[in-house]
């Protein structure tokens, strides 16, 4: 029997993600398209991360998802549902297609030469998510640059958090090769249970560059007209900044650099209150 994307489902849901997805804060009218987009992305991510499917199988499944988005078949349920729910809206399917480009790259490209190479990956893996959210809320596309910066930062934070796991599971190394080399770090350093001094310094450089991306996103939540989306963005922004603070001192190879539920709730409450009271 020919494999379909559903066969590779990981069982993960929106509550398992690092940052809020389709939270109760969002207005009811956008929750359906947001969750359809999430389910599509989750399914594609599961295909990409499958430890058992071959590269050719993964690429074939992405082709099926693309064809379903384009209306050339109805073979992929998540792609069909997303296509149908967006059919009567002005929101394009471009964002979903861009995500597939990133997932295809996950299969065919295991190393990134430099920072620009990594940011180009984020252009397809992360930025479309923010752009979709702005589009589905009817926000101005003049906000895309700030959204792009925030989404790229979120993606790179995830890469640093999971750098050891990515290398061990599928030999993926998103850390720019030139930054590793500049400090004498090697890909093989990611195999250890503790980061070498060289790797820690390289990771510090990446964290600093990511913090500059966050600076580019300053004031983003306050520019969003939909206050509910503005609150969610403010929460995501605050969580990201705190993770960067943790990554400056914690070794992601030896320690889990994630927020506890209690810490997430505390940071979220403070950020949401600030956005509601001060508008930022």
C-alpha atoms as a PDB file:
ATOM      1  CA  UNK A   1       0.000   0.000   0.000  1.00  0.00           C
ATOM      2  CA  UNK A   2       1.297   3.460  -0.897  1.00  0.00           C
ATOM      3  CA  UNK A   3       2.111   5.560   2.150  1.00  0.00           C
ATOM      4  CA  UNK A   4       0.190   8.754   2.877  1.00  0.00           C
ATOM      5  CA  UNK A   5       1.178  11.604   5.177  1.00  0.00           C
ATOM      6  CA  UNK A   6      -1.227  10.422   7.887  1.00  0.00           C
ATOM      7  CA  UNK A   7       0.766   7.202   8.202  1.00  0.00           C
ATOM      8  CA  UNK A   8       3.700   9.230   9.534  1.00  0.00           C
ATOM      9  CA  UNK A   9       1.770  11.277  12.095  1.00  0.00           C
ATOM     10  CA  UNK A  10       3.728  11.810  15.300  1.00  0.00           C
ATOM     11  CA  UNK A  11       0.701  12.320  17.506  1.00  0.00           C
ATOM     12  CA  UNK A  12       1.858  15.809  18.465  1.00  0.00           C
ATOM     13  CA  UNK A  13      -0.734  18.560  18.692  1.00  0.00           C
ATOM     14  CA  UNK A  14      -0.817  22.319  19.034  1.00  0.00           C
ATOM     15  CA  UNK A  15      -0.452  22.064  22.815  1.00  0.00           C
ATOM     16  CA  UNK A  16       2.948  20.395  22.357  1.00  0.00           C
ATOM     17  CA  UNK A  17       4.526  23.353  20.564  1.00  0.00           C
ATOM     18  CA  UNK A  18       7.067  25.742  22.102  1.00  0.00           C
ATOM     19  CA  UNK A  19       4.875  28.772  21.493  1.00  0.00           C
ATOM     20  CA  UNK A  20       1.084  29.342  21.562  1.00  0.00           C
ATOM     21  CA  UNK A  21      -0.819  28.070  18.520  1.00  0.00           C
ATOM     22  CA  UNK A  22      -4.440  29.025  17.932  1.00  0.00           C
ATOM     23  CA  UNK A  23      -4.934  29.913  21.586  1.00  0.00           C
ATOM     24  CA  UNK A  24      -8.277  30.801  23.123  1.00  0.00           C
ATOM     25  CA  UNK A  25      -7.206  34.447  22.914  1.00  0.00           C
ATOM     26  CA  UNK A  26      -7.835  34.522  19.157  1.00  0.00           C
ATOM     27  CA  UNK A  27     -11.315  35.448  18.010  1.00  0.00           C
ATOM     28  CA  UNK A  28     -13.568  32.546  17.071  1.00  0.00           C
ATOM     29  CA  UNK A  29     -13.889  33.571  13.415  1.00  0.00           C
ATOM     30  CA  UNK A  30     -10.188  32.962  12.701  1.00  0.00           C
ATOM     31  CA  UNK A  31      -9.645  29.878  14.800  1.00  0.00           C
ATOM     32  CA  UNK A  32     -10.799  27.421  12.120  1.00  0.00           C
ATOM     33  CA  UNK A  33      -8.394  28.616   9.392  1.00  0.00           C
ATOM     34  CA  UNK A  34      -5.562  28.960  11.925  1.00  0.00           C
ATOM     35  CA  UNK A  35      -6.035  25.390  13.121  1.00  0.00           C
ATOM     36  CA  UNK A  36      -6.361  24.115   9.529  1.00  0.00           C
ATOM     37  CA  UNK A  37      -3.054  25.781   8.718  1.00  0.00           C
ATOM     38  CA  UNK A  38      -1.503  24.298  11.846  1.00  0.00           C
ATOM     39  CA  UNK A  39      -2.734  20.767  11.047  1.00  0.00           C
ATOM     40  CA  UNK A  40      -1.322  21.070   7.529  1.00  0.00           C
ATOM     41  CA  UNK A  41       2.043  22.267   8.858  1.00  0.00           C
ATOM     42  CA  UNK A  42       2.082  19.612  11.588  1.00  0.00           C
ATOM     43  CA  UNK A  43       1.425  16.856   9.055  1.00  0.00           C
ATOM     44  CA  UNK A  44       4.191  18.091   6.754  1.00  0.00           C
ATOM     45  CA  UNK A  45       6.575  18.415   9.702  1.00  0.00           C
ATOM     46  CA  UNK A  46       5.829  14.847  10.756  1.00  0.00           C
ATOM     47  CA  UNK A  47       6.657  13.637   7.247  1.00  0.00           C
ATOM     48  CA  UNK A  48       9.894  15.604   7.267  1.00  0.00           C
ATOM     49  CA  UNK A  49      10.934  14.300  10.691  1.00  0.00           C
ATOM     50  CA  UNK A  50       9.963  10.674  10.154  1.00  0.00           C
ATOM     51  CA  UNK A  51      12.851   8.391  11.130  1.00  0.00           C
ATOM     52  CA  UNK A  52      11.510   5.535   8.998  1.00  0.00           C
ATOM     53  CA  UNK A  53      10.372   7.043   5.681  1.00  0.00           C
ATOM     54  CA  UNK A  54      12.961   7.339   2.910  1.00  0.00           C
ATOM     55  CA  UNK A  55      13.855  10.730   1.413  1.00  0.00           C
ATOM     56  CA  UNK A  56      12.105   9.756  -1.819  1.00  0.00           C
ATOM     57  CA  UNK A  57       8.928   8.843   0.065  1.00  0.00           C
ATOM     58  CA  UNK A  58       8.968  12.134   1.921  1.00  0.00           C
ATOM     59  CA  UNK A  59       9.416  14.151  -1.264  1.00  0.00           C
ATOM     60  CA  UNK A  60       6.636  12.202  -2.961  1.00  0.00           C
ATOM     61  CA  UNK A  61       4.274  12.966  -0.088  1.00  0.00           C
ATOM     62  CA  UNK A  62       5.129  16.652  -0.310  1.00  0.00           C
ATOM     63  CA  UNK A  63       4.309  16.522  -4.023  1.00  0.00           C
ATOM     64  CA  UNK A  64       0.920  15.051  -3.130  1.00  0.00           C
ATOM     65  CA  UNK A  65       0.301  17.817  -0.613  1.00  0.00           C
ATOM     66  CA  UNK A  66       1.212  20.460  -3.196  1.00  0.00           C
ATOM     67  CA  UNK A  67      -1.089  18.912  -5.765  1.00  0.00           C
ATOM     68  CA  UNK A  68      -3.939  18.892  -3.256  1.00  0.00           C
ATOM     69  CA  UNK A  69      -3.360  22.532  -2.381  1.00  0.00           C
ATOM     70  CA  UNK A  70      -3.542  23.340  -6.093  1.00  0.00           C
ATOM     71  CA  UNK A  71      -6.757  21.369  -6.559  1.00  0.00           C
ATOM     72  CA  UNK A  72      -5.158  18.756  -8.801  1.00  0.00           C
ATOM     73  CA  UNK A  73      -6.233  15.982  -6.426  1.00  0.00           C
ATOM     74  CA  UNK A  74      -7.810  15.439  -3.014  1.00  0.00           C
ATOM     75  CA  UNK A  75      -5.287  12.871  -1.842  1.00  0.00           C
ATOM     76  CA  UNK A  76      -4.113  14.719   1.275  1.00  0.00           C
ATOM     77  CA  UNK A  77      -6.838  15.468   3.798  1.00  0.00           C
ATOM     78  CA  UNK A  78      -5.058  18.267   5.658  1.00  0.00           C
ATOM     79  CA  UNK A  79      -4.135  20.068   2.450  1.00  0.00           C
ATOM     80  CA  UNK A  80      -7.689  19.684   1.144  1.00  0.00           C
ATOM     81  CA  UNK A  81      -9.195  21.066   4.341  1.00  0.00           C
ATOM     82  CA  UNK A  82      -6.861  24.053   4.285  1.00  0.00           C
ATOM     83  CA  UNK A  83      -7.574  24.699   0.589  1.00  0.00           C
ATOM     84  CA  UNK A  84     -11.312  24.516   1.154  1.00  0.00           C
ATOM     85  CA  UNK A  85     -11.402  26.703   4.243  1.00  0.00           C
ATOM     86  CA  UNK A  86      -9.364  29.419   2.533  1.00  0.00           C
ATOM     87  CA  UNK A  87     -11.325  29.239  -0.732  1.00  0.00           C
ATOM     88  CA  UNK A  88     -13.741  32.001   0.237  1.00  0.00           C
ATOM     89  CA  UNK A  89     -11.155  34.242   1.880  1.00  0.00           C
ATOM     90  CA  UNK A  90      -8.526  36.597   0.454  1.00  0.00           C
ATOM     91  CA  UNK A  91      -5.778  34.581   2.167  1.00  0.00           C
ATOM     92  CA  UNK A  92      -3.549  32.904  -0.440  1.00  0.00           C
ATOM     93  CA  UNK A  93      -2.192  29.371  -0.342  1.00  0.00           C
ATOM     94  CA  UNK A  94       1.281  30.785  -0.979  1.00  0.00           C
ATOM     95  CA  UNK A  95       2.149  30.522   2.707  1.00  0.00           C
ATOM     96  CA  UNK A  96       1.382  26.803   2.752  1.00  0.00           C
ATOM     97  CA  UNK A  97       3.397  26.239  -0.417  1.00  0.00           C
ATOM     98  CA  UNK A  98       6.325  28.085   1.151  1.00  0.00           C
ATOM     99  CA  UNK A  99       6.217  25.775   4.170  1.00  0.00           C
ATOM    100  CA  UNK A 100       6.422  22.770   1.878  1.00  0.00           C
ATOM    101  CA  UNK A 101       9.537  24.287   0.313  1.00  0.00           C
ATOM    102  CA  UNK A 102      11.140  24.357   3.768  1.00  0.00           C
ATOM    103  CA  UNK A 103      10.140  20.786   4.550  1.00  0.00           C
ATOM    104  CA  UNK A 104      11.529  19.633   1.207  1.00  0.00           C
ATOM    105  CA  UNK A 105      14.743  21.400   2.092  1.00  0.00           C
ATOM    106  CA  UNK A 106      14.850  19.538   5.404  1.00  0.00           C
ATOM    107  CA  UNK A 107      15.022  16.339   3.382  1.00  0.00           C
ATOM    108  CA  UNK A 108      17.608  17.457   0.830  1.00  0.00           C
ATOM    109  CA  UNK A 109      19.803  19.967   2.703  1.00  0.00           C
ATOM    110  CA  UNK A 110      21.458  18.977   5.975  1.00  0.00           C
ATOM    111  CA  UNK A 111      23.922  21.888   6.441  1.00  0.00           C
ATOM    112  CA  UNK A 112      23.739  25.691   6.242  1.00  0.00           C
ATOM    113  CA  UNK A 113      26.782  27.604   5.085  1.00  0.00           C
ATOM    114  CA  UNK A 114      26.282  30.912   6.854  1.00  0.00           C
ATOM    115  CA  UNK A 115      23.780  33.194   8.569  1.00  0.00           C
ATOM    116  CA  UNK A 116      22.221  34.351   5.294  1.00  0.00           C
ATOM    117  CA  UNK A 117      21.738  30.735   4.266  1.00  0.00           C
ATOM    118  CA  UNK A 118      19.939  30.042   7.540  1.00  0.00           C
ATOM    119  CA  UNK A 119      17.768  33.153   7.208  1.00  0.00           C
ATOM    120  CA  UNK A 120      16.813  32.030   3.699  1.00  0.00           C
ATOM    121  CA  UNK A 121      15.645  28.744   5.223  1.00  0.00           C
ATOM    122  CA  UNK A 122      13.625  30.703   7.783  1.00  0.00           C
ATOM    123  CA  UNK A 123      12.053  32.611   4.891  1.00  0.00           C
ATOM    124  CA  UNK A 124      10.253  29.377   4.053  1.00  0.00           C
ATOM    125  CA  UNK A 125      10.108  27.524   7.374  1.00  0.00           C
ATOM    126  CA  UNK A 126       9.008  30.294   9.746  1.00  0.00           C
ATOM    127  CA  UNK A 127       8.117  33.586   8.081  1.00  0.00           C
ATOM    128  CA  UNK A 128       5.099  32.156   6.211  1.00  0.00           C
ATOM    129  CA  UNK A 129       3.473  31.350   9.559  1.00  0.00           C
ATOM    130  CA  UNK A 130       3.533  34.959  10.703  1.00  0.00           C
ATOM    131  CA  UNK A 131       2.480  36.210   7.285  1.00  0.00           C
ATOM    132  CA  UNK A 132      -0.449  33.801   7.272  1.00  0.00           C
ATOM    133  CA  UNK A 133      -1.540  34.962  10.724  1.00  0.00           C
ATOM    134  CA  UNK A 134      -1.442  38.594   9.642  1.00  0.00           C
ATOM    135  CA  UNK A 135      -3.335  37.847   6.435  1.00  0.00           C
ATOM    136  CA  UNK A 136      -6.040  35.807   8.120  1.00  0.00           C
ATOM    137  CA  UNK A 137      -6.595  38.680  10.569  1.00  0.00           C
ATOM    138  CA  UNK A 138      -6.722  41.257   7.772  1.00  0.00           C
ATOM    139  CA  UNK A 139      -3.634  43.087   9.024  1.00  0.00           C
ATOM    140  CA  UNK A 140      -1.463  45.309   6.824  1.00  0.00           C
ATOM    141  CA  UNK A 141       1.381  43.659   4.979  1.00  0.00           C
ATOM    142  CA  UNK A 142       3.582  46.559   6.028  1.00  0.00           C
ATOM    143  CA  UNK A 143       3.917  44.522   9.250  1.00  0.00           C
ATOM    144  CA  UNK A 144       5.599  41.653   7.436  1.00  0.00           C
ATOM    145  CA  UNK A 145       9.203  42.775   8.132  1.00  0.00           C
ATOM    146  CA  UNK A 146       8.640  42.799  11.903  1.00  0.00           C
ATOM    147  CA  UNK A 147       6.741  39.528  11.724  1.00  0.00           C
ATOM    148  CA  UNK A 148       9.505  37.986   9.607  1.00  0.00           C
ATOM    149  CA  UNK A 149      12.140  38.992  12.161  1.00  0.00           C
ATOM    150  CA  UNK A 150      10.165  37.543  15.068  1.00  0.00           C
ATOM    151  CA  UNK A 151       9.365  34.300  13.254  1.00  0.00           C
ATOM    152  CA  UNK A 152      12.969  33.819  12.148  1.00  0.00           C
ATOM    153  CA  UNK A 153      14.093  34.356  15.735  1.00  0.00           C
ATOM    154  CA  UNK A 154      11.611  31.760  16.990  1.00  0.00           C
ATOM    155  CA  UNK A 155      12.881  29.257  14.438  1.00  0.00           C
ATOM    156  CA  UNK A 156      16.531  29.820  15.318  1.00  0.00           C
ATOM    157  CA  UNK A 157      15.798  29.587  19.045  1.00  0.00           C
ATOM    158  CA  UNK A 158      14.305  26.178  18.327  1.00  0.00           C
ATOM    159  CA  UNK A 159      17.391  25.203  16.324  1.00  0.00           C
ATOM    160  CA  UNK A 160      19.685  26.116  19.221  1.00  0.00           C
ATOM    161  CA  UNK A 161      17.474  24.375  21.790  1.00  0.00           C
ATOM    162  CA  UNK A 162      17.419  21.182  19.754  1.00  0.00           C
ATOM    163  CA  UNK A 163      20.836  21.287  18.096  1.00  0.00           C
ATOM    164  CA  UNK A 164      21.944  18.005  19.658  1.00  0.00           C
ATOM    165  CA  UNK A 165      18.682  16.190  18.932  1.00  0.00           C
ATOM    166  CA  UNK A 166      18.581  17.399  15.320  1.00  0.00           C
ATOM    167  CA  UNK A 167      22.085  16.078  14.722  1.00  0.00           C
ATOM    168  CA  UNK A 168      21.407  12.745  16.438  1.00  0.00           C
ATOM    169  CA  UNK A 169      18.018  12.043  14.885  1.00  0.00           C
ATOM    170  CA  UNK A 170      18.461  12.983  11.229  1.00  0.00           C
ATOM    171  CA  UNK A 171      21.977  14.457  10.938  1.00  0.00           C
ATOM    172  CA  UNK A 172      20.517  17.927  10.484  1.00  0.00           C
ATOM    173  CA  UNK A 173      22.697  20.842  11.552  1.00  0.00           C
ATOM    174  CA  UNK A 174      21.054  24.225  11.234  1.00  0.00           C
ATOM    175  CA  UNK A 175      23.885  26.055  13.006  1.00  0.00           C
ATOM    176  CA  UNK A 176      25.763  28.043  10.323  1.00  0.00           C
ATOM    177  CA  UNK A 177      28.954  26.246   9.366  1.00  0.00           C
ATOM    178  CA  UNK A 178      31.028  29.421   9.105  1.00  0.00           C
ATOM    179  CA  UNK A 179      30.094  30.461  12.646  1.00  0.00           C
ATOM    180  CA  UNK A 180      31.093  27.049  14.001  1.00  0.00           C
ATOM    181  CA  UNK A 181      34.389  27.193  12.101  1.00  0.00           C
ATOM    182  CA  UNK A 182      35.145  30.744  13.256  1.00  0.00           C
ATOM    183  CA  UNK A 183      35.316  29.541  16.870  1.00  0.00           C
ATOM    184  CA  UNK A 184      36.939  26.184  16.202  1.00  0.00           C
ATOM    185  CA  UNK A 185      33.733  24.211  16.766  1.00  0.00           C
ATOM    186  CA  UNK A 186      32.864  21.133  14.726  1.00  0.00           C
ATOM    187  CA  UNK A 187      29.649  19.380  13.795  1.00  0.00           C
ATOM    188  CA  UNK A 188      30.945  16.384  15.749  1.00  0.00           C
ATOM    189  CA  UNK A 189      30.828  18.494  18.925  1.00  0.00           C
ATOM    190  CA  UNK A 190      27.048  18.128  18.795  1.00  0.00           C
ATOM    191  CA  UNK A 191      27.413  14.409  19.520  1.00  0.00           C
ATOM    192  CA  UNK A 192      28.628  15.037  23.068  1.00  0.00           C
ATOM    193  CA  UNK A 193      26.607  15.274  26.270  1.00  0.00           C
ATOM    194  CA  UNK A 194      28.159  18.659  27.022  1.00  0.00           C
ATOM    195  CA  UNK A 195      29.008  21.479  24.657  1.00  0.00           C
ATOM    196  CA  UNK A 196      32.691  22.150  24.145  1.00  0.00           C
ATOM    197  CA  UNK A 197      34.030  25.610  24.916  1.00  0.00           C
ATOM    198  CA  UNK A 198      34.251  26.316  21.194  1.00  0.00           C
ATOM    199  CA  UNK A 199      30.661  25.248  20.603  1.00  0.00           C
ATOM    200  CA  UNK A 200      29.413  27.294  23.552  1.00  0.00           C
ATOM    201  CA  UNK A 201      31.101  30.372  22.083  1.00  0.00           C
ATOM    202  CA  UNK A 202      29.607  29.688  18.648  1.00  0.00           C
ATOM    203  CA  UNK A 203      26.160  29.240  20.161  1.00  0.00           C
ATOM    204  CA  UNK A 204      26.624  32.525  22.012  1.00  0.00           C
ATOM    205  CA  UNK A 205      27.292  34.251  18.695  1.00  0.00           C
ATOM    206  CA  UNK A 206      24.111  32.750  17.229  1.00  0.00           C
ATOM    207  CA  UNK A 207      22.089  33.827  20.268  1.00  0.00           C
ATOM    208  CA  UNK A 208      23.443  37.370  19.930  1.00  0.00           C
ATOM    209  CA  UNK A 209      22.455  37.495  16.255  1.00  0.00           C
ATOM    210  CA  UNK A 210      19.025  36.143  17.134  1.00  0.00           C
ATOM    211  CA  UNK A 211      18.620  38.835  19.780  1.00  0.00           C
ATOM    212  CA  UNK A 212      19.195  41.408  17.047  1.00  0.00           C
ATOM    213  CA  UNK A 213      16.341  39.849  15.100  1.00  0.00           C
ATOM    214  CA  UNK A 214      14.177  40.336  18.173  1.00  0.00           C
ATOM    215  CA  UNK A 215      15.239  43.980  18.214  1.00  0.00           C
ATOM    216  CA  UNK A 216      13.894  44.278  14.663  1.00  0.00           C
ATOM    217  CA  UNK A 217      10.547  43.037  15.987  1.00  0.00           C
ATOM    218  CA  UNK A 218      10.364  45.662  18.747  1.00  0.00           C
ATOM    219  CA  UNK A 219       6.908  47.204  18.963  1.00  0.00           C
ATOM    220  CA  UNK A 220       5.383  44.646  16.607  1.00  0.00           C
ATOM    221  CA  UNK A 221       2.518  43.611  18.871  1.00  0.00           C
ATOM    222  CA  UNK A 222       1.488  47.235  19.423  1.00  0.00           C
ATOM    223  CA  UNK A 223       1.179  47.787  15.653  1.00  0.00           C
ATOM    224  CA  UNK A 224      -1.359  44.978  15.273  1.00  0.00           C
ATOM    225  CA  UNK A 225      -4.924  46.292  15.103  1.00  0.00           C
ATOM    226  CA  UNK A 226      -6.606  43.080  16.221  1.00  0.00           C
ATOM    227  CA  UNK A 227      -6.028  43.276  19.962  1.00  0.00           C
ATOM    228  CA  UNK A 228      -6.421  39.540  20.425  1.00  0.00           C
ATOM    229  CA  UNK A 229      -3.679  38.774  17.924  1.00  0.00           C
ATOM    230  CA  UNK A 230      -1.639  41.570  19.471  1.00  0.00           C
ATOM    231  CA  UNK A 231      -1.875  39.880  22.862  1.00  0.00           C
ATOM    232  CA  UNK A 232      -0.783  36.513  21.443  1.00  0.00           C
ATOM    233  CA  UNK A 233       2.172  38.112  19.675  1.00  0.00           C
ATOM    234  CA  UNK A 234       3.155  39.946  22.855  1.00  0.00           C
ATOM    235  CA  UNK A 235       3.163  36.632  24.735  1.00  0.00           C
ATOM    236  CA  UNK A 236       5.229  34.891  22.051  1.00  0.00           C
ATOM    237  CA  UNK A 237       7.678  37.798  21.998  1.00  0.00           C
ATOM    238  CA  UNK A 238       8.128  37.657  25.769  1.00  0.00           C
ATOM    239  CA  UNK A 239       8.633  33.890  25.806  1.00  0.00           C
ATOM    240  CA  UNK A 240      11.221  34.152  23.027  1.00  0.00           C
ATOM    241  CA  UNK A 241      13.193  36.853  24.795  1.00  0.00           C
ATOM    242  CA  UNK A 242      13.278  34.822  27.990  1.00  0.00           C
ATOM    243  CA  UNK A 243      14.458  31.720  26.130  1.00  0.00           C
ATOM    244  CA  UNK A 244      17.285  33.749  24.634  1.00  0.00           C
ATOM    245  CA  UNK A 245      18.196  34.836  28.161  1.00  0.00           C
ATOM    246  CA  UNK A 246      18.352  31.189  29.229  1.00  0.00           C
ATOM    247  CA  UNK A 247      20.345  30.139  26.177  1.00  0.00           C
ATOM    248  CA  UNK A 248      23.067  32.653  27.033  1.00  0.00           C
ATOM    249  CA  UNK A 249      23.979  30.609  30.109  1.00  0.00           C
ATOM    250  CA  UNK A 250      22.603  27.097  29.628  1.00  0.00           C
ATOM    251  CA  UNK A 251      24.180  24.334  27.607  1.00  0.00           C
ATOM    252  CA  UNK A 252      21.471  22.875  25.299  1.00  0.00           C
ATOM    253  CA  UNK A 253      23.386  19.598  25.019  1.00  0.00           C
ATOM    254  CA  UNK A 254      23.327  18.915  28.738  1.00  0.00           C
ATOM    255  CA  UNK A 255      20.215  20.784  29.890  1.00  0.00           C
ATOM    256  CA  UNK A 256      16.690  21.119  28.588  1.00  0.00           C
ATOM    257  CA  UNK A 257      16.229  24.767  27.710  1.00  0.00           C
ATOM    258  CA  UNK A 258      12.456  25.022  27.735  1.00  0.00           C
ATOM    259  CA  UNK A 259       9.939  26.798  29.934  1.00  0.00           C
ATOM    260  CA  UNK A 260       7.940  24.919  32.522  1.00  0.00           C
ATOM    261  CA  UNK A 261       4.177  25.322  32.345  1.00  0.00           C
ATOM    262  CA  UNK A 262       4.279  27.535  35.419  1.00  0.00           C
ATOM    263  CA  UNK A 263       6.960  29.789  33.943  1.00  0.00           C
ATOM    264  CA  UNK A 264       5.130  29.965  30.635  1.00  0.00           C
ATOM    265  CA  UNK A 265       1.936  30.988  32.411  1.00  0.00           C
ATOM    266  CA  UNK A 266       3.722  33.667  34.446  1.00  0.00           C
ATOM    267  CA  UNK A 267       5.480  35.193  31.445  1.00  0.00           C
ATOM    268  CA  UNK A 268       2.311  34.998  29.353  1.00  0.00           C
ATOM    269  CA  UNK A 269       0.188  36.705  31.990  1.00  0.00           C
ATOM    270  CA  UNK A 270       2.670  39.541  32.413  1.00  0.00           C
ATOM    271  CA  UNK A 271       3.053  40.061  28.653  1.00  0.00           C
ATOM    272  CA  UNK A 272      -0.680  39.892  27.954  1.00  0.00           C
ATOM    273  CA  UNK A 273      -1.435  42.360  30.717  1.00  0.00           C
ATOM    274  CA  UNK A 274       1.208  44.724  29.394  1.00  0.00           C
ATOM    275  CA  UNK A 275      -0.226  44.560  25.864  1.00  0.00           C
ATOM    276  CA  UNK A 276      -3.757  45.229  27.123  1.00  0.00           C
ATOM    277  CA  UNK A 277      -2.842  48.024  29.534  1.00  0.00           C
ATOM    278  CA  UNK A 278      -0.047  49.765  27.618  1.00  0.00           C
ATOM    279  CA  UNK A 279      -0.862  48.670  24.091  1.00  0.00           C
ATOM    280  CA  UNK A 280       2.568  47.091  23.624  1.00  0.00           C
END
